[in-house]
Amino acid sequence: MLSQDNIDERLAANEVRINSHLGITAKLAPKVGLPSDFCYQIIRQVGNYKDVYDRHSGPNTIINLPRGLNDLHINGGLHYPLPIK
């Protein structure tokens, strides 16, 4: 899973699946007016869904709201991410 904590090392590992997921190899982003590294920048600066949820609503916040149905399907939730090809 890509997160704020591991995105730089995963990108440095030059993994084909990660490069594809981040749009680096597909080069589709410029065709729709976005910088080619926009996915990387979003994850690096904001984080993935778990990063954001944990930061604002998770166990280390005053809200302390368990993810429950907001969790991934493999953890009993309803989130089912699209497969990375």
PDB file of N, CA and C in Angstrom:
ATOM      1  N   MET A   1       0.849  -1.171   0.000  1.00  0.00           N
ATOM      2  CA  MET A   1       0.000   0.000   0.000  1.00  0.00           C
ATOM      3  C   MET A   1       0.898   1.237   0.000  1.00  0.00           C
ATOM      4  N   LEU A   2       0.557   2.180  -0.831  1.00  0.00           N
ATOM      5  CA  LEU A   2       1.278   3.453  -0.859  1.00  0.00           C
ATOM      6  C   LEU A   2       0.753   4.360   0.231  1.00  0.00           C
ATOM      7  N   SER A   3       1.662   4.992   0.949  1.00  0.00           N
ATOM      8  CA  SER A   3       1.270   5.929   1.987  1.00  0.00           C
ATOM      9  C   SER A   3       2.286   7.066   2.019  1.00  0.00           C
ATOM     10  N   GLN A   4       1.997   8.081   2.808  1.00  0.00           N
ATOM     11  CA  GLN A   4       2.934   9.183   2.967  1.00  0.00           C
ATOM     12  C   GLN A   4       4.276   8.687   3.483  1.00  0.00           C
ATOM     13  N   ASP A   5       4.249   7.698   4.333  1.00  0.00           N
ATOM     14  CA  ASP A   5       5.474   7.212   4.953  1.00  0.00           C
ATOM     15  C   ASP A   5       6.379   6.424   4.010  1.00  0.00           C
ATOM     16  N   ASN A   6       5.802   5.779   3.002  1.00  0.00           N
ATOM     17  CA  ASN A   6       6.643   4.905   2.183  1.00  0.00           C
ATOM     18  C   ASN A   6       6.713   5.282   0.707  1.00  0.00           C
ATOM     19  N   ILE A   7       6.059   6.345   0.289  1.00  0.00           N
ATOM     20  CA  ILE A   7       5.991   6.631  -1.146  1.00  0.00           C
ATOM     21  C   ILE A   7       7.356   6.928  -1.755  1.00  0.00           C
ATOM     22  N   ASP A   8       8.217   7.623  -1.042  1.00  0.00           N
ATOM     23  CA  ASP A   8       9.537   7.941  -1.606  1.00  0.00           C
ATOM     24  C   ASP A   8      10.389   6.684  -1.801  1.00  0.00           C
ATOM     25  N   GLU A   9      10.380   5.799  -0.820  1.00  0.00           N
ATOM     26  CA  GLU A   9      11.175   4.579  -0.969  1.00  0.00           C
ATOM     27  C   GLU A   9      10.572   3.642  -2.008  1.00  0.00           C
ATOM     28  N   ARG A  10       9.240   3.597  -2.109  1.00  0.00           N
ATOM     29  CA  ARG A  10       8.603   2.756  -3.131  1.00  0.00           C
ATOM     30  C   ARG A  10       8.893   3.301  -4.526  1.00  0.00           C
ATOM     31  N   LEU A  11       8.899   4.614  -4.669  1.00  0.00           N
ATOM     32  CA  LEU A  11       9.218   5.231  -5.955  1.00  0.00           C
ATOM     33  C   LEU A  11      10.684   4.982  -6.309  1.00  0.00           C
ATOM     34  N   ALA A  12      11.575   5.092  -5.328  1.00  0.00           N
ATOM     35  CA  ALA A  12      13.003   4.864  -5.558  1.00  0.00           C
ATOM     36  C   ALA A  12      13.293   3.414  -5.945  1.00  0.00           C
ATOM     37  N   ALA A  13      12.451   2.483  -5.516  1.00  0.00           N
ATOM     38  CA  ALA A  13      12.640   1.065  -5.839  1.00  0.00           C
ATOM     39  C   ALA A  13      12.343   0.775  -7.303  1.00  0.00           C
ATOM     40  N   ASN A  14      11.746   1.757  -7.995  1.00  0.00           N
ATOM     41  CA  ASN A  14      11.458   1.642  -9.427  1.00  0.00           C
ATOM     42  C   ASN A  14      10.598   0.411  -9.745  1.00  0.00           C
ATOM     43  N   GLU A  15       9.558   0.205  -8.945  1.00  0.00           N
ATOM     44  CA  GLU A  15       8.641  -0.914  -9.146  1.00  0.00           C
ATOM     45  C   GLU A  15       7.686  -0.589 -10.293  1.00  0.00           C
ATOM     46  N   VAL A  16       7.539  -1.501 -11.211  1.00  0.00           N
ATOM     47  CA  VAL A  16       6.695  -1.281 -12.386  1.00  0.00           C
ATOM     48  C   VAL A  16       5.259  -0.968 -11.983  1.00  0.00           C
ATOM     49  N   ARG A  17       4.712  -1.744 -11.038  1.00  0.00           N
ATOM     50  CA  ARG A  17       3.319  -1.526 -10.618  1.00  0.00           C
ATOM     51  C   ARG A  17       3.138  -0.154  -9.975  1.00  0.00           C
ATOM     52  N   ILE A  18       4.104   0.264  -9.171  1.00  0.00           N
ATOM     53  CA  ILE A  18       4.008   1.561  -8.503  1.00  0.00           C
ATOM     54  C   ILE A  18       4.135   2.682  -9.517  1.00  0.00           C
ATOM     55  N   ASN A  19       5.098   2.564 -10.428  1.00  0.00           N
ATOM     56  CA  ASN A  19       5.263   3.591 -11.457  1.00  0.00           C
ATOM     57  C   ASN A  19       4.012   3.709 -12.323  1.00  0.00           C
ATOM     58  N   SER A  20       3.390   2.583 -12.611  1.00  0.00           N
ATOM     59  CA  SER A  20       2.161   2.599 -13.393  1.00  0.00           C
ATOM     60  C   SER A  20       1.029   3.247 -12.603  1.00  0.00           C
ATOM     61  N   HIS A  21       0.905   2.876 -11.344  1.00  0.00           N
ATOM     62  CA  HIS A  21      -0.153   3.428 -10.497  1.00  0.00           C
ATOM     63  C   HIS A  21      -0.004   4.939 -10.335  1.00  0.00           C
ATOM     64  N   LEU A  22       1.215   5.395 -10.216  1.00  0.00           N
ATOM     65  CA  LEU A  22       1.460   6.826 -10.042  1.00  0.00           C
ATOM     66  C   LEU A  22       1.385   7.587 -11.365  1.00  0.00           C
ATOM     67  N   GLY A  23       1.196   6.860 -12.470  1.00  0.00           N
ATOM     68  CA  GLY A  23       1.065   7.519 -13.766  1.00  0.00           C
ATOM     69  C   GLY A  23       2.379   7.872 -14.417  1.00  0.00           C
ATOM     70  N   ILE A  24       3.470   7.429 -13.858  1.00  0.00           N
ATOM     71  CA  ILE A  24       4.788   7.790 -14.376  1.00  0.00           C
ATOM     72  C   ILE A  24       5.042   7.144 -15.731  1.00  0.00           C
ATOM     73  N   THR A  25       4.668   5.879 -15.866  1.00  0.00           N
ATOM     74  CA  THR A  25       4.912   5.195 -17.138  1.00  0.00           C
ATOM     75  C   THR A  25       3.807   5.438 -18.157  1.00  0.00           C
ATOM     76  N   ALA A  26       2.591   5.670 -17.697  1.00  0.00           N
ATOM     77  CA  ALA A  26       1.467   5.838 -18.621  1.00  0.00           C
ATOM     78  C   ALA A  26       1.484   7.191 -19.321  1.00  0.00           C
ATOM     79  N   LYS A  27       1.970   8.208 -18.639  1.00  0.00           N
ATOM     80  CA  LYS A  27       2.054   9.567 -19.188  1.00  0.00           C
ATOM     81  C   LYS A  27       0.693  10.093 -19.649  1.00  0.00           C
ATOM     82  N   LEU A  28      -0.363   9.734 -18.920  1.00  0.00           N
ATOM     83  CA  LEU A  28      -1.707  10.177 -19.273  1.00  0.00           C
ATOM     84  C   LEU A  28      -2.055  11.535 -18.671  1.00  0.00           C
ATOM     85  N   ALA A  29      -1.476  11.851 -17.522  1.00  0.00           N
ATOM     86  CA  ALA A  29      -1.840  13.078 -16.811  1.00  0.00           C
ATOM     87  C   ALA A  29      -1.683  14.340 -17.662  1.00  0.00           C
ATOM     88  N   PRO A  30      -0.567  14.516 -18.390  1.00  0.00           N
ATOM     89  CA  PRO A  30      -0.435  15.738 -19.195  1.00  0.00           C
ATOM     90  C   PRO A  30      -1.527  15.871 -20.263  1.00  0.00           C
ATOM     91  N   LYS A  31      -2.067  14.747 -20.696  1.00  0.00           N
ATOM     92  CA  LYS A  31      -3.118  14.789 -21.714  1.00  0.00           C
ATOM     93  C   LYS A  31      -4.412  15.403 -21.178  1.00  0.00           C
ATOM     94  N   VAL A  32      -4.571  15.397 -19.851  1.00  0.00           N
ATOM     95  CA  VAL A  32      -5.754  16.004 -19.250  1.00  0.00           C
ATOM     96  C   VAL A  32      -5.393  17.263 -18.462  1.00  0.00           C
ATOM     97  N   GLY A  33      -4.175  17.779 -18.709  1.00  0.00           N
ATOM     98  CA  GLY A  33      -3.774  19.046 -18.115  1.00  0.00           C
ATOM     99  C   GLY A  33      -3.202  18.967 -16.711  1.00  0.00           C
ATOM    100  N   LEU A  34      -2.771  17.789 -16.289  1.00  0.00           N
ATOM    101  CA  LEU A  34      -2.191  17.631 -14.957  1.00  0.00           C
ATOM    102  C   LEU A  34      -0.702  17.346 -15.072  1.00  0.00           C
ATOM    103  N   PRO A  35       0.075  17.716 -14.050  1.00  0.00           N
ATOM    104  CA  PRO A  35       1.492  17.351 -14.081  1.00  0.00           C
ATOM    105  C   PRO A  35       1.638  15.834 -14.005  1.00  0.00           C
ATOM    106  N   SER A  36       2.681  15.306 -14.602  1.00  0.00           N
ATOM    107  CA  SER A  36       2.839  13.849 -14.662  1.00  0.00           C
ATOM    108  C   SER A  36       3.022  13.214 -13.283  1.00  0.00           C
ATOM    109  N   ASP A  37       3.423  13.996 -12.298  1.00  0.00           N
ATOM    110  CA  ASP A  37       3.621  13.427 -10.958  1.00  0.00           C
ATOM    111  C   ASP A  37       2.493  13.791  -9.990  1.00  0.00           C
ATOM    112  N   PHE A  38       1.306  14.095 -10.503  1.00  0.00           N
ATOM    113  CA  PHE A  38       0.228  14.561  -9.631  1.00  0.00           C
ATOM    114  C   PHE A  38      -0.180  13.510  -8.591  1.00  0.00           C
ATOM    115  N   CYS A  39      -0.195  12.226  -8.952  1.00  0.00           N
ATOM    116  CA  CYS A  39      -0.555  11.179  -7.976  1.00  0.00           C
ATOM    117  C   CYS A  39       0.488  11.116  -6.864  1.00  0.00           C
ATOM    118  N   TYR A  40       1.742  11.177  -7.245  1.00  0.00           N
ATOM    119  CA  TYR A  40       2.815  11.180  -6.248  1.00  0.00           C
ATOM    120  C   TYR A  40       2.658  12.369  -5.313  1.00  0.00           C
ATOM    121  N   GLN A  41       2.417  13.545  -5.865  1.00  0.00           N
ATOM    122  CA  GLN A  41       2.306  14.759  -5.056  1.00  0.00           C
ATOM    123  C   GLN A  41       1.130  14.679  -4.083  1.00  0.00           C
ATOM    124  N   ILE A  42       0.020  14.136  -4.528  1.00  0.00           N
ATOM    125  CA  ILE A  42      -1.149  14.008  -3.638  1.00  0.00           C
ATOM    126  C   ILE A  42      -0.827  13.087  -2.469  1.00  0.00           C
ATOM    127  N   ILE A  43      -0.283  11.918  -2.766  1.00  0.00           N
ATOM    128  CA  ILE A  43       0.016  10.965  -1.690  1.00  0.00           C
ATOM    129  C   ILE A  43       1.110  11.506  -0.785  1.00  0.00           C
ATOM    130  N   ARG A  44       2.120  12.140  -1.354  1.00  0.00           N
ATOM    131  CA  ARG A  44       3.230  12.670  -0.559  1.00  0.00           C
ATOM    132  C   ARG A  44       2.778  13.808   0.353  1.00  0.00           C
ATOM    133  N   GLN A  45       1.927  14.688  -0.150  1.00  0.00           N
ATOM    134  CA  GLN A  45       1.538  15.870   0.610  1.00  0.00           C
ATOM    135  C   GLN A  45       0.310  15.658   1.485  1.00  0.00           C
ATOM    136  N   VAL A  46      -0.647  14.860   1.017  1.00  0.00           N
ATOM    137  CA  VAL A  46      -1.906  14.678   1.743  1.00  0.00           C
ATOM    138  C   VAL A  46      -2.004  13.280   2.346  1.00  0.00           C
ATOM    139  N   GLY A  47      -1.571  12.291   1.601  1.00  0.00           N
ATOM    140  CA  GLY A  47      -1.639  10.912   2.056  1.00  0.00           C
ATOM    141  C   GLY A  47      -2.733  10.135   1.348  1.00  0.00           C
ATOM    142  N   ASN A  48      -2.779   8.854   1.615  1.00  0.00           N
ATOM    143  CA  ASN A  48      -3.854   8.037   1.072  1.00  0.00           C
ATOM    144  C   ASN A  48      -5.078   8.154   1.993  1.00  0.00           C
ATOM    145  N   TYR A  49      -6.126   7.422   1.707  1.00  0.00           N
ATOM    146  CA  TYR A  49      -7.349   7.538   2.503  1.00  0.00           C
ATOM    147  C   TYR A  49      -7.097   7.215   3.969  1.00  0.00           C
ATOM    148  N   LYS A  50      -6.337   6.158   4.228  1.00  0.00           N
ATOM    149  CA  LYS A  50      -6.038   5.764   5.612  1.00  0.00           C
ATOM    150  C   LYS A  50      -5.257   6.861   6.336  1.00  0.00           C
ATOM    151  N   ASP A  51      -4.271   7.436   5.664  1.00  0.00           N
ATOM    152  CA  ASP A  51      -3.491   8.517   6.277  1.00  0.00           C
ATOM    153  C   ASP A  51      -4.399   9.666   6.705  1.00  0.00           C
ATOM    154  N   VAL A  52      -5.280  10.078   5.806  1.00  0.00           N
ATOM    155  CA  VAL A  52      -6.176  11.200   6.085  1.00  0.00           C
ATOM    156  C   VAL A  52      -7.170  10.843   7.185  1.00  0.00           C
ATOM    157  N   TYR A  53      -7.765   9.657   7.104  1.00  0.00           N
ATOM    158  CA  TYR A  53      -8.742   9.219   8.102  1.00  0.00           C
ATOM    159  C   TYR A  53      -8.111   9.162   9.490  1.00  0.00           C
ATOM    160  N   ASP A  54      -6.950   8.517   9.560  1.00  0.00           N
ATOM    161  CA  ASP A  54      -6.281   8.393  10.861  1.00  0.00           C
ATOM    162  C   ASP A  54      -5.885   9.754  11.437  1.00  0.00           C
ATOM    163  N   ARG A  55      -5.465  10.662  10.575  1.00  0.00           N
ATOM    164  CA  ARG A  55      -5.036  11.986  11.032  1.00  0.00           C
ATOM    165  C   ARG A  55      -6.197  12.820  11.571  1.00  0.00           C
ATOM    166  N   HIS A  56      -7.379  12.680  10.975  1.00  0.00           N
ATOM    167  CA  HIS A  56      -8.500  13.548  11.340  1.00  0.00           C
ATOM    168  C   HIS A  56      -9.582  12.888  12.192  1.00  0.00           C
ATOM    169  N   SER A  57      -9.737  11.565  12.088  1.00  0.00           N
ATOM    170  CA  SER A  57     -10.828  10.897  12.803  1.00  0.00           C
ATOM    171  C   SER A  57     -10.405   9.645  13.549  1.00  0.00           C
ATOM    172  N   GLY A  58      -9.179   9.214  13.359  1.00  0.00           N
ATOM    173  CA  GLY A  58      -8.725   7.924  13.846  1.00  0.00           C
ATOM    174  C   GLY A  58      -8.420   7.826  15.326  1.00  0.00           C
ATOM    175  N   PRO A  59      -7.732   6.753  15.682  1.00  0.00           N
ATOM    176  CA  PRO A  59      -7.512   6.423  17.088  1.00  0.00           C
ATOM    177  C   PRO A  59      -6.658   7.428  17.863  1.00  0.00           C
ATOM    178  N   ASN A  60      -5.848   8.195  17.206  1.00  0.00           N
ATOM    179  CA  ASN A  60      -4.994   9.162  17.897  1.00  0.00           C
ATOM    180  C   ASN A  60      -5.582  10.566  17.895  1.00  0.00           C
ATOM    181  N   THR A  61      -6.881  10.673  17.652  1.00  0.00           N
ATOM    182  CA  THR A  61      -7.551  11.978  17.657  1.00  0.00           C
ATOM    183  C   THR A  61      -8.590  12.010  18.770  1.00  0.00           C
ATOM    184  N   ILE A  62      -9.120  13.174  19.026  1.00  0.00           N
ATOM    185  CA  ILE A  62     -10.161  13.327  20.046  1.00  0.00           C
ATOM    186  C   ILE A  62     -11.444  12.595  19.625  1.00  0.00           C
ATOM    187  N   ILE A  63     -11.651  12.452  18.329  1.00  0.00           N
ATOM    188  CA  ILE A  63     -12.849  11.760  17.824  1.00  0.00           C
ATOM    189  C   ILE A  63     -12.748  10.261  18.061  1.00  0.00           C
ATOM    190  N   ASN A  64     -11.564   9.691  17.846  1.00  0.00           N
ATOM    191  CA  ASN A  64     -11.296   8.270  18.070  1.00  0.00           C
ATOM    192  C   ASN A  64     -12.363   7.368  17.436  1.00  0.00           C
ATOM    193  N   LEU A  65     -12.658   7.623  16.179  1.00  0.00           N
ATOM    194  CA  LEU A  65     -13.685   6.882  15.457  1.00  0.00           C
ATOM    195  C   LEU A  65     -13.069   5.674  14.748  1.00  0.00           C
ATOM    196  N   PRO A  66     -13.470   4.456  15.109  1.00  0.00           N
ATOM    197  CA  PRO A  66     -12.950   3.282  14.404  1.00  0.00           C
ATOM    198  C   PRO A  66     -13.358   3.329  12.941  1.00  0.00           C
ATOM    199  N   ARG A  67     -12.538   2.780  12.085  1.00  0.00           N
ATOM    200  CA  ARG A  67     -12.835   2.840  10.648  1.00  0.00           C
ATOM    201  C   ARG A  67     -14.094   2.053  10.311  1.00  0.00           C
ATOM    202  N   GLY A  68     -14.322   0.927  10.943  1.00  0.00           N
ATOM    203  CA  GLY A  68     -15.547   0.159  10.697  1.00  0.00           C
ATOM    204  C   GLY A  68     -15.793  -0.064   9.222  1.00  0.00           C
ATOM    205  N   LEU A  69     -16.931   0.380   8.718  1.00  0.00           N
ATOM    206  CA  LEU A  69     -17.271   0.196   7.309  1.00  0.00           C
ATOM    207  C   LEU A  69     -16.420   1.057   6.383  1.00  0.00           C
ATOM    208  N   ASN A  70     -15.688   2.031   6.928  1.00  0.00           N
ATOM    209  CA  ASN A  70     -14.766   2.839   6.132  1.00  0.00           C
ATOM    210  C   ASN A  70     -13.444   2.138   5.873  1.00  0.00           C
ATOM    211  N   ASP A  71     -13.280   0.944   6.391  1.00  0.00           N
ATOM    212  CA  ASP A  71     -12.036   0.207   6.224  1.00  0.00           C
ATOM    213  C   ASP A  71     -12.032  -0.552   4.899  1.00  0.00           C
ATOM    214  N   LEU A  72     -10.889  -1.121   4.573  1.00  0.00           N
ATOM    215  CA  LEU A  72     -10.793  -1.955   3.381  1.00  0.00           C
ATOM    216  C   LEU A  72     -11.643  -3.206   3.534  1.00  0.00           C
ATOM    217  N   HIS A  73     -12.060  -3.757   2.415  1.00  0.00           N
ATOM    218  CA  HIS A  73     -12.900  -4.962   2.459  1.00  0.00           C
ATOM    219  C   HIS A  73     -12.190  -6.127   3.137  1.00  0.00           C
ATOM    220  N   ILE A  74     -10.868  -6.197   3.024  1.00  0.00           N
ATOM    221  CA  ILE A  74     -10.126  -7.298   3.652  1.00  0.00           C
ATOM    222  C   ILE A  74     -10.092  -7.165   5.173  1.00  0.00           C
ATOM    223  N   ASN A  75     -10.495  -5.981   5.673  1.00  0.00           N
ATOM    224  CA  ASN A  75     -10.571  -5.755   7.116  1.00  0.00           C
ATOM    225  C   ASN A  75     -12.019  -5.617   7.594  1.00  0.00           C
ATOM    226  N   GLY A  76     -12.972  -6.060   6.769  1.00  0.00           N
ATOM    227  CA  GLY A  76     -14.379  -6.026   7.147  1.00  0.00           C
ATOM    228  C   GLY A  76     -15.128  -4.773   6.738  1.00  0.00           C
ATOM    229  N   GLY A  77     -14.469  -3.890   6.012  1.00  0.00           N
ATOM    230  CA  GLY A  77     -15.115  -2.654   5.572  1.00  0.00           C
ATOM    231  C   GLY A  77     -15.677  -2.774   4.163  1.00  0.00           C
ATOM    232  N   LEU A  78     -16.089  -1.637   3.624  1.00  0.00           N
ATOM    233  CA  LEU A  78     -16.714  -1.613   2.306  1.00  0.00           C
ATOM    234  C   LEU A  78     -15.808  -1.078   1.199  1.00  0.00           C
ATOM    235  N   HIS A  79     -14.637  -0.584   1.558  1.00  0.00           N
ATOM    236  CA  HIS A  79     -13.719  -0.043   0.535  1.00  0.00           C
ATOM    237  C   HIS A  79     -13.070  -1.182  -0.231  1.00  0.00           C
ATOM    238  N   TYR A  80     -13.249  -1.146  -1.540  1.00  0.00           N
ATOM    239  CA  TYR A  80     -12.652  -2.144  -2.413  1.00  0.00           C
ATOM    240  C   TYR A  80     -11.902  -1.386  -3.507  1.00  0.00           C
ATOM    241  N   PRO A  81     -10.592  -1.204  -3.331  1.00  0.00           N
ATOM    242  CA  PRO A  81      -9.850  -0.433  -4.326  1.00  0.00           C
ATOM    243  C   PRO A  81      -9.732  -1.200  -5.639  1.00  0.00           C
ATOM    244  N   LEU A  82      -9.627  -0.442  -6.716  1.00  0.00           N
ATOM    245  CA  LEU A  82      -9.434  -1.064  -8.013  1.00  0.00           C
ATOM    246  C   LEU A  82      -8.070  -1.736  -8.049  1.00  0.00           C
ATOM    247  N   PRO A  83      -7.984  -2.871  -8.706  1.00  0.00           N
ATOM    248  CA  PRO A  83      -6.686  -3.559  -8.771  1.00  0.00           C
ATOM    249  C   PRO A  83      -5.686  -2.755  -9.597  1.00  0.00           C
ATOM    250  N   ILE A  84      -4.425  -2.823  -9.201  1.00  0.00           N
ATOM    251  CA  ILE A  84      -3.357  -2.168  -9.953  1.00  0.00           C
ATOM    252  C   ILE A  84      -2.835  -3.174 -10.959  1.00  0.00           C
ATOM    253  N   LYS A  85      -2.822  -2.782 -12.223  1.00  0.00           N
ATOM    254  CA  LYS A  85      -2.335  -3.701 -13.274  1.00  0.00           C
ATOM    255  C   LYS A  85      -1.005  -3.245 -13.770  1.00  0.00           C
TER     256      LYS A  85
END
